[in-house]
Amino acid sequence: MNRRYVAPMPPQLRQQMRAGHHPARTVPCPHCGAAVHAPCVLRKSGRHLPKPHPQRMNTWALQTACCPECQVEPGTPCHDEGRARHTVHARRYQEAEDTTP
């Protein structure tokens, strides 16, 4: 009988493995329910997606960056002249990417 012993992964190695992933993985996906640091999945097939769902990227940008377009702070939804938006402004995505190490 062959046994495979599994050792816990050192935190440094875990960090390096995540380095190639999109920073939006730091928030759970509101669309598919993927956990923090887990890839998004297709609901029917369960197949992992190479990129996060747009809703996850929206949530990440909302929580990470100030919006240069409507001047709101992280955590506050974007708006257009007082009307709430369902997504964040494109410039907020760029700001989030620029502030992520």
N, C-alpha and C. Protein backbone atom coordinates (compact mmCIF):
# COMPACT_ATOMS: atom_id res chain seq x y z
N MET A 1 0.83 -1.18 0.00
CA MET A 1 0.00 0.00 0.00
C MET A 1 0.88 1.25 0.00
N ASN A 2 0.65 2.11 -0.94
CA ASN A 2 1.41 3.35 -1.03
C ASN A 2 0.66 4.45 -0.30
N ARG A 3 1.35 5.11 0.58
CA ARG A 3 0.75 6.23 1.31
C ARG A 3 1.39 7.52 0.84
N ARG A 4 0.55 8.50 0.69
CA ARG A 4 1.06 9.84 0.38
C ARG A 4 0.86 10.68 1.62
N TYR A 5 1.94 11.20 2.13
CA TYR A 5 1.87 12.09 3.28
C TYR A 5 1.79 13.51 2.75
N VAL A 6 0.86 14.23 3.26
CA VAL A 6 0.65 15.60 2.82
C VAL A 6 1.05 16.55 3.94
N ALA A 7 2.02 17.40 3.63
CA ALA A 7 2.46 18.40 4.60
C ALA A 7 1.73 19.70 4.34
N PRO A 8 1.51 20.50 5.37
CA PRO A 8 0.87 21.80 5.14
C PRO A 8 1.75 22.68 4.26
N MET A 9 1.10 23.45 3.42
CA MET A 9 1.84 24.33 2.52
C MET A 9 2.34 25.55 3.29
N PRO A 10 3.64 25.86 3.17
CA PRO A 10 4.16 27.06 3.84
C PRO A 10 3.48 28.32 3.31
N PRO A 11 3.25 29.31 4.18
CA PRO A 11 2.56 30.54 3.74
C PRO A 11 3.28 31.25 2.59
N GLN A 12 4.62 31.23 2.57
CA GLN A 12 5.36 31.90 1.50
C GLN A 12 5.04 31.28 0.14
N LEU A 13 4.97 29.95 0.10
CA LEU A 13 4.67 29.26 -1.14
C LEU A 13 3.23 29.53 -1.57
N ARG A 14 2.32 29.54 -0.62
CA ARG A 14 0.92 29.83 -0.92
C ARG A 14 0.79 31.24 -1.52
N GLN A 15 1.54 32.19 -0.96
CA GLN A 15 1.51 33.57 -1.47
C GLN A 15 2.03 33.63 -2.90
N GLN A 16 3.12 32.88 -3.19
CA GLN A 16 3.68 32.88 -4.54
C GLN A 16 2.71 32.27 -5.53
N MET A 17 1.98 31.25 -5.11
CA MET A 17 1.01 30.62 -6.01
C MET A 17 -0.12 31.57 -6.36
N ARG A 18 -0.50 32.41 -5.44
CA ARG A 18 -1.59 33.36 -5.67
C ARG A 18 -1.13 34.58 -6.45
N ALA A 19 0.17 34.78 -6.55
CA ALA A 19 0.70 36.00 -7.17
C ALA A 19 0.21 36.19 -8.59
N GLY A 20 -0.03 35.12 -9.34
CA GLY A 20 -0.47 35.24 -10.73
C GLY A 20 -1.96 35.44 -10.89
N HIS A 21 -2.72 35.46 -9.81
CA HIS A 21 -4.16 35.58 -9.89
C HIS A 21 -4.60 37.03 -9.86
N HIS A 22 -5.78 37.28 -10.38
CA HIS A 22 -6.34 38.62 -10.39
C HIS A 22 -6.61 39.07 -8.95
N PRO A 23 -6.31 40.32 -8.62
CA PRO A 23 -6.54 40.80 -7.25
C PRO A 23 -8.01 40.79 -6.83
N ALA A 24 -8.94 40.66 -7.77
CA ALA A 24 -10.36 40.60 -7.40
C ALA A 24 -10.66 39.34 -6.59
N ARG A 25 -9.76 38.38 -6.61
CA ARG A 25 -9.97 37.16 -5.81
C ARG A 25 -9.86 37.43 -4.31
N THR A 26 -9.52 38.64 -3.93
CA THR A 26 -9.44 38.97 -2.50
C THR A 26 -10.82 39.21 -1.89
N VAL A 27 -11.86 39.16 -2.73
CA VAL A 27 -13.24 39.28 -2.23
C VAL A 27 -14.03 38.07 -2.73
N PRO A 28 -15.06 37.64 -2.00
CA PRO A 28 -15.88 36.53 -2.49
C PRO A 28 -16.69 36.97 -3.71
N CYS A 29 -17.01 36.01 -4.57
CA CYS A 29 -17.77 36.34 -5.78
C CYS A 29 -19.26 36.34 -5.48
N PRO A 30 -19.94 37.48 -5.70
CA PRO A 30 -21.38 37.53 -5.47
C PRO A 30 -22.19 36.78 -6.53
N HIS A 31 -21.56 36.46 -7.66
CA HIS A 31 -22.28 35.77 -8.74
C HIS A 31 -22.31 34.25 -8.55
N CYS A 32 -21.12 33.65 -8.37
CA CYS A 32 -21.06 32.19 -8.28
C CYS A 32 -20.83 31.68 -6.86
N GLY A 33 -20.53 32.60 -5.92
CA GLY A 33 -20.33 32.19 -4.54
C GLY A 33 -18.92 31.70 -4.24
N ALA A 34 -17.98 31.89 -5.16
CA ALA A 34 -16.60 31.46 -4.92
C ALA A 34 -16.04 32.18 -3.70
N ALA A 35 -15.32 31.44 -2.88
CA ALA A 35 -14.73 32.00 -1.66
C ALA A 35 -13.54 32.89 -1.99
N VAL A 36 -13.09 33.63 -0.99
CA VAL A 36 -11.89 34.48 -1.15
C VAL A 36 -10.73 33.60 -1.61
N HIS A 37 -9.98 34.08 -2.57
CA HIS A 37 -8.81 33.43 -3.18
C HIS A 37 -9.15 32.22 -4.04
N ALA A 38 -10.41 31.80 -4.11
CA ALA A 38 -10.81 30.68 -4.97
C ALA A 38 -11.22 31.23 -6.33
N PRO A 39 -11.01 30.46 -7.39
CA PRO A 39 -11.42 30.94 -8.72
C PRO A 39 -12.94 30.91 -8.87
N CYS A 40 -13.43 31.76 -9.74
CA CYS A 40 -14.85 31.74 -10.08
C CYS A 40 -15.14 30.46 -10.86
N VAL A 41 -16.38 30.00 -10.76
CA VAL A 41 -16.77 28.77 -11.44
C VAL A 41 -18.07 28.98 -12.22
N LEU A 42 -18.25 28.15 -13.23
CA LEU A 42 -19.52 28.13 -13.94
C LEU A 42 -20.50 27.32 -13.11
N ARG A 43 -21.67 27.84 -12.90
CA ARG A 43 -22.64 27.19 -12.01
C ARG A 43 -23.04 25.80 -12.48
N LYS A 44 -23.33 25.62 -13.77
CA LYS A 44 -23.82 24.34 -14.26
C LYS A 44 -22.72 23.28 -14.31
N SER A 45 -21.57 23.63 -14.86
CA SER A 45 -20.52 22.62 -15.06
C SER A 45 -19.52 22.57 -13.91
N GLY A 46 -19.41 23.64 -13.14
CA GLY A 46 -18.42 23.68 -12.06
C GLY A 46 -17.01 23.95 -12.56
N ARG A 47 -16.86 24.27 -13.85
CA ARG A 47 -15.55 24.54 -14.44
C ARG A 47 -14.99 25.86 -13.91
N HIS A 48 -13.70 25.87 -13.59
CA HIS A 48 -13.04 27.08 -13.09
C HIS A 48 -12.80 28.04 -14.25
N LEU A 49 -13.01 29.32 -13.98
CA LEU A 49 -12.81 30.35 -15.00
C LEU A 49 -11.43 30.99 -14.85
N PRO A 50 -10.80 31.35 -15.95
CA PRO A 50 -9.48 31.99 -15.86
C PRO A 50 -9.53 33.41 -15.30
N LYS A 51 -10.67 34.08 -15.48
CA LYS A 51 -10.84 35.45 -14.97
C LYS A 51 -12.04 35.50 -14.04
N PRO A 52 -12.04 36.44 -13.11
CA PRO A 52 -13.21 36.59 -12.22
C PRO A 52 -14.44 37.08 -12.97
N HIS A 53 -15.61 36.78 -12.42
CA HIS A 53 -16.86 37.31 -12.98
C HIS A 53 -16.85 38.84 -12.88
N PRO A 54 -17.54 39.52 -13.79
CA PRO A 54 -17.61 40.99 -13.72
C PRO A 54 -18.16 41.50 -12.39
N GLN A 55 -19.10 40.78 -11.79
CA GLN A 55 -19.67 41.20 -10.52
C GLN A 55 -18.61 41.16 -9.41
N ARG A 56 -17.71 40.20 -9.48
CA ARG A 56 -16.63 40.10 -8.48
C ARG A 56 -15.65 41.26 -8.67
N MET A 57 -15.34 41.56 -9.91
CA MET A 57 -14.43 42.68 -10.18
C MET A 57 -15.07 44.00 -9.74
N ASN A 58 -16.37 44.13 -9.94
CA ASN A 58 -17.10 45.31 -9.50
C ASN A 58 -17.02 45.46 -7.98
N THR A 59 -17.25 44.37 -7.26
CA THR A 59 -17.20 44.38 -5.80
C THR A 59 -15.80 44.71 -5.31
N TRP A 60 -14.79 44.13 -5.95
CA TRP A 60 -13.39 44.38 -5.58
C TRP A 60 -13.04 45.86 -5.77
N ALA A 61 -13.39 46.43 -6.93
CA ALA A 61 -13.08 47.84 -7.19
C ALA A 61 -13.82 48.75 -6.21
N LEU A 62 -15.06 48.40 -5.91
CA LEU A 62 -15.87 49.19 -4.98
C LEU A 62 -15.23 49.21 -3.59
N GLN A 63 -14.70 48.08 -3.14
CA GLN A 63 -14.12 48.00 -1.80
C GLN A 63 -12.68 48.50 -1.73
N THR A 64 -12.00 48.57 -2.86
CA THR A 64 -10.58 48.87 -2.88
C THR A 64 -10.23 50.33 -3.15
N ALA A 65 -10.95 50.96 -4.05
CA ALA A 65 -10.50 52.27 -4.55
C ALA A 65 -11.53 53.37 -4.41
N CYS A 66 -11.01 54.60 -4.32
CA CYS A 66 -11.85 55.79 -4.44
C CYS A 66 -12.18 55.95 -5.92
N CYS A 67 -13.33 56.51 -6.23
CA CYS A 67 -13.69 56.71 -7.62
C CYS A 67 -13.30 58.11 -8.08
N PRO A 68 -12.41 58.21 -9.08
CA PRO A 68 -12.02 59.52 -9.59
C PRO A 68 -13.16 60.22 -10.34
N GLU A 69 -14.13 59.46 -10.81
CA GLU A 69 -15.24 60.01 -11.59
C GLU A 69 -16.27 60.72 -10.71
N CYS A 70 -16.74 60.04 -9.65
CA CYS A 70 -17.79 60.63 -8.82
C CYS A 70 -17.31 60.97 -7.41
N GLN A 71 -16.02 60.79 -7.15
CA GLN A 71 -15.38 61.22 -5.90
C GLN A 71 -15.95 60.55 -4.65
N VAL A 72 -16.23 59.24 -4.71
CA VAL A 72 -16.69 58.53 -3.52
C VAL A 72 -15.55 57.69 -2.95
N GLU A 73 -15.64 57.39 -1.67
CA GLU A 73 -14.60 56.63 -0.97
C GLU A 73 -14.81 55.13 -1.16
N PRO A 74 -13.78 54.32 -0.86
CA PRO A 74 -13.94 52.87 -0.93
C PRO A 74 -15.13 52.41 -0.08
N GLY A 75 -15.90 51.50 -0.63
CA GLY A 75 -17.08 50.98 0.06
C GLY A 75 -18.36 51.71 -0.29
N THR A 76 -18.26 52.89 -0.90
CA THR A 76 -19.43 53.66 -1.29
C THR A 76 -19.70 53.45 -2.77
N PRO A 77 -20.92 53.06 -3.15
CA PRO A 77 -21.22 52.83 -4.57
C PRO A 77 -21.08 54.09 -5.42
N CYS A 78 -20.73 53.88 -6.67
CA CYS A 78 -20.64 55.00 -7.62
C CYS A 78 -22.04 55.52 -7.95
N HIS A 79 -22.07 56.76 -8.43
CA HIS A 79 -23.34 57.37 -8.84
C HIS A 79 -23.10 58.28 -10.03
N ASP A 80 -24.16 58.56 -10.75
CA ASP A 80 -24.14 59.52 -11.86
C ASP A 80 -25.06 60.66 -11.50
N GLU A 81 -24.49 61.78 -11.10
CA GLU A 81 -25.24 62.97 -10.71
C GLU A 81 -26.35 62.63 -9.71
N GLY A 82 -25.99 61.85 -8.70
CA GLY A 82 -26.92 61.52 -7.64
C GLY A 82 -27.72 60.24 -7.86
N ARG A 83 -27.74 59.70 -9.08
CA ARG A 83 -28.45 58.45 -9.36
C ARG A 83 -27.51 57.28 -9.17
N ALA A 84 -27.93 56.31 -8.39
CA ALA A 84 -27.09 55.14 -8.10
C ALA A 84 -26.81 54.34 -9.37
N ARG A 85 -25.61 53.78 -9.44
CA ARG A 85 -25.22 52.90 -10.55
C ARG A 85 -25.19 51.47 -10.06
N HIS A 86 -25.38 50.52 -10.97
CA HIS A 86 -25.29 49.10 -10.62
C HIS A 86 -23.85 48.61 -10.74
N THR A 87 -23.01 49.38 -11.43
CA THR A 87 -21.60 49.04 -11.60
C THR A 87 -20.76 50.24 -11.18
N VAL A 88 -19.46 50.03 -11.14
CA VAL A 88 -18.56 51.15 -10.83
C VAL A 88 -18.08 51.77 -12.13
N HIS A 89 -17.61 53.00 -12.06
CA HIS A 89 -17.05 53.67 -13.24
C HIS A 89 -15.77 52.97 -13.69
N ALA A 90 -15.50 53.02 -14.99
CA ALA A 90 -14.30 52.39 -15.55
C ALA A 90 -13.03 52.95 -14.91
N ARG A 91 -13.03 54.23 -14.62
CA ARG A 91 -11.84 54.85 -14.00
C ARG A 91 -11.59 54.28 -12.61
N ARG A 92 -12.63 53.79 -11.93
CA ARG A 92 -12.46 53.20 -10.60
C ARG A 92 -11.74 51.85 -10.70
N TYR A 93 -12.03 51.09 -11.76
CA TYR A 93 -11.30 49.84 -12.00
C TYR A 93 -9.80 50.14 -12.14
N GLN A 94 -9.51 51.16 -12.93
CA GLN A 94 -8.09 51.53 -13.14
C GLN A 94 -7.45 51.97 -11.84
N GLU A 95 -8.16 52.74 -11.06
CA GLU A 95 -7.64 53.19 -9.76
C GLU A 95 -7.38 51.99 -8.84
N ALA A 96 -8.27 51.02 -8.84
CA ALA A 96 -8.10 49.82 -8.01
C ALA A 96 -6.86 49.05 -8.44
N GLU A 97 -6.67 48.90 -9.75
CA GLU A 97 -5.49 48.19 -10.25
C GLU A 97 -4.21 48.93 -9.93
N ASP A 98 -4.26 50.26 -9.99
CA ASP A 98 -3.07 51.06 -9.68
C ASP A 98 -2.69 51.00 -8.20
N THR A 99 -3.68 50.83 -7.32
CA THR A 99 -3.39 50.83 -5.89
C THR A 99 -3.08 49.45 -5.35
N THR A 100 -3.30 48.40 -6.16
CA THR A 100 -3.02 47.03 -5.72
C THR A 100 -1.55 46.72 -5.95
N PRO A 101 -0.86 46.24 -4.91
CA PRO A 101 0.58 45.94 -5.07
C PRO A 101 0.82 44.77 -5.98
